[in-house]
Protein backbone atom coordinates (compact mmCIF):
# COMPACT_ATOMS: atom_id res chain seq x y z
CA MET A 1 -0.37 2.70 19.66
CA THR A 2 -1.17 5.01 16.78
CA ASN A 3 1.71 6.30 14.75
CA THR A 4 1.57 8.71 11.85
CA ARG A 5 3.77 9.34 8.84
CA GLU A 6 3.65 11.49 5.74
CA PHE A 7 3.03 9.75 2.41
CA HIS A 8 2.83 11.06 -1.13
CA ILE A 9 -0.77 11.40 -2.26
CA GLY A 10 -0.06 9.06 -5.18
CA ASP A 11 0.85 6.28 -2.73
CA VAL A 12 -2.31 6.89 -0.71
CA LEU A 13 -4.56 7.01 -3.78
CA SER A 14 -3.00 3.82 -5.15
CA VAL A 15 -3.78 1.79 -2.02
CA ALA A 16 -7.16 3.44 -1.39
CA THR A 17 -8.48 3.04 -4.94
CA GLY A 18 -6.61 0.09 -6.42
CA THR A 19 -5.42 2.27 -9.31
CA LEU A 20 -1.63 2.58 -9.49
CA VAL A 21 -0.79 6.29 -9.58
CA SER A 22 2.15 6.12 -7.17
CA LEU A 23 5.14 7.83 -8.72
CA ARG A 24 7.30 5.21 -7.00
CA HIS A 25 5.12 2.40 -8.35
CA ILE A 26 5.23 -0.74 -6.18
CA ASP A 27 7.75 0.83 -3.78
CA GLY A 28 5.08 3.34 -2.74
CA ILE A 29 2.59 0.53 -2.14
CA TYR A 30 5.12 -1.45 -0.09
CA ASP A 31 6.05 1.56 2.04
CA LEU A 32 2.48 2.53 2.83
CA CYS A 33 1.24 -1.02 3.48
CA ASN A 34 4.31 -1.89 5.57
CA PHE A 35 3.80 1.23 7.67
CA MET A 36 0.08 0.73 8.12
CA THR A 37 0.40 -2.96 9.08
CA GLY A 38 3.66 -2.73 11.02
CA GLU A 39 5.01 -5.62 8.97
CA ASN A 40 7.59 -6.21 6.26
CA LEU A 41 5.19 -7.67 3.72
CA MET A 42 5.95 -9.91 0.79
CA THR A 43 4.47 -9.22 -2.64
CA HIS A 44 1.66 -11.78 -2.37
CA GLN A 45 0.53 -10.13 0.89
CA LEU A 46 0.05 -6.65 -0.60
CA PRO A 47 -3.48 -7.20 -1.96
CA ARG A 48 -4.76 -8.33 1.46
CA ALA A 49 -2.96 -5.51 3.26
CA SER A 50 -4.35 -3.01 0.75
CA ARG A 51 -7.89 -4.30 1.34
CA GLU A 52 -7.38 -3.86 5.08
CA ALA A 53 -5.91 -0.37 4.68
CA GLU A 54 -8.33 0.97 2.07
CA PRO A 55 -11.29 1.82 4.33
CA PHE A 56 -9.01 3.52 6.85
CA LEU A 57 -7.35 5.62 4.17
CA ARG A 58 -10.78 6.63 2.86
CA GLU A 59 -11.82 7.54 6.41
CA GLN A 60 -8.66 9.56 7.03
CA HIS A 61 -8.77 11.37 3.67
CA PRO A 62 -12.34 11.25 2.31
CA ASP A 63 -11.97 14.17 -0.09
CA LEU A 64 -8.68 12.97 -1.57
CA THR A 65 -9.74 9.34 -1.94
CA SER A 66 -12.99 10.30 -3.66
CA GLU A 67 -11.16 12.21 -6.42
CA PRO A 68 -12.01 10.62 -9.77
CA ILE A 69 -8.87 9.18 -11.33
CA PRO A 70 -8.60 9.70 -15.08
CA GLU A 71 -7.29 7.01 -17.41
CA ILE A 72 -3.53 7.23 -17.03
CA THR A 73 -1.16 5.39 -19.34
CA SER A 74 2.26 6.67 -18.28
CA ARG A 75 4.24 7.90 -15.31
CA ASP A 76 4.36 11.37 -16.88
CA GLU A 77 0.55 11.47 -17.10
CA ALA A 78 0.26 10.32 -13.47
CA GLU A 79 2.72 12.97 -12.34
CA ALA A 80 0.94 15.72 -14.29
CA TRP A 81 -2.45 14.72 -12.88
CA LEU A 82 -1.17 14.43 -9.30
CA LYS A 83 0.36 17.92 -9.58
CA THR A 84 -3.14 19.29 -10.24
CA LEU A 85 -4.15 17.95 -6.80
CA TYR A 86 -1.24 19.49 -4.86
CA PRO A 87 -2.86 22.93 -4.42
CA LYS A 88 -5.90 21.33 -2.78
CA TYR A 89 -4.32 18.48 -0.76
CA GLY A 90 -0.58 19.11 -0.72
CA GLU A 91 2.01 16.73 -2.11
CA THR A 92 1.91 14.54 1.01
CA VAL A 93 -0.72 13.69 3.61
CA THR A 94 -0.47 12.31 7.11
CA VAL A 95 -1.47 8.66 7.45
CA LYS A 96 -2.22 6.77 10.66
CA ASN A 97 -1.20 3.15 10.99
CA LEU A 98 -3.79 0.42 11.46
CA ASP A 99 -4.88 -0.62 14.89
CA PRO A 100 -3.56 -4.18 15.40
CA ALA A 101 -7.18 -5.35 15.78
CA ASP A 102 -7.81 -4.23 12.17
CA HIS A 103 -4.95 -6.23 10.64
CA THR A 104 -4.51 -9.98 10.42
CA VAL A 105 -0.91 -11.10 10.75
CA ILE A 106 -0.26 -14.21 8.65
CA ASP A 107 3.12 -15.86 8.20
CA PRO A 108 4.08 -15.24 4.55
CA ILE A 109 4.84 -18.91 3.83
CA ALA A 110 1.56 -20.04 5.42
CA GLU A 111 -0.28 -17.39 3.39
CA ILE A 112 1.18 -18.46 0.05
CA LYS A 113 0.32 -22.07 0.93
CA MET A 114 -3.28 -20.98 1.59
CA MET A 115 -3.38 -19.08 -1.69
CA ARG A 116 -1.72 -21.80 -3.78
CA PRO A 117 -1.92 -25.13 -1.93
CA GLY A 118 -0.09 -27.14 -4.62
CA LEU A 119 2.70 -24.63 -5.19
CA PRO A 120 6.11 -26.17 -4.50
CA ILE A 121 8.11 -24.01 -2.11
CA ILE A 122 11.88 -24.21 -2.13
CA PHE A 123 13.80 -22.99 0.88
CA LEU A 124 17.35 -21.86 0.33
CA ASP A 125 19.91 -22.49 3.03
CA HIS A 126 22.46 -19.72 3.18
CA GLY A 127 24.66 -21.66 5.58
CA GLY A 128 23.69 -19.38 8.47
CA GLN A 129 24.64 -16.26 6.49
CA SER A 130 22.20 -13.43 5.96
């Protein structure tokens, strides 16, 4: 089932291009990737989810995602540049989630073990408390 949601163009550009221009930084990446995948991703899963989402974001917003991104060294510069795009694209754009066939669900612990086989993993027992 396809769902849609509005996202700031900085979030969309960050995932589609790999250049962080989201005004909410990693929170914008998490929100967009979580929505598109239907998961609550962990940090180490964001690169894979971004790679899955990128072609679909480019397909949904070809003009926006082909905008050349200047060298940006601060949040203020990112905000100023993004504001120049608002007249053409708006501050937010509608994004469709991924079809389940286009996203691989991997348990986060299994995925980190695949990424770093020798990494010791410590599980904390909260005594049944959340």
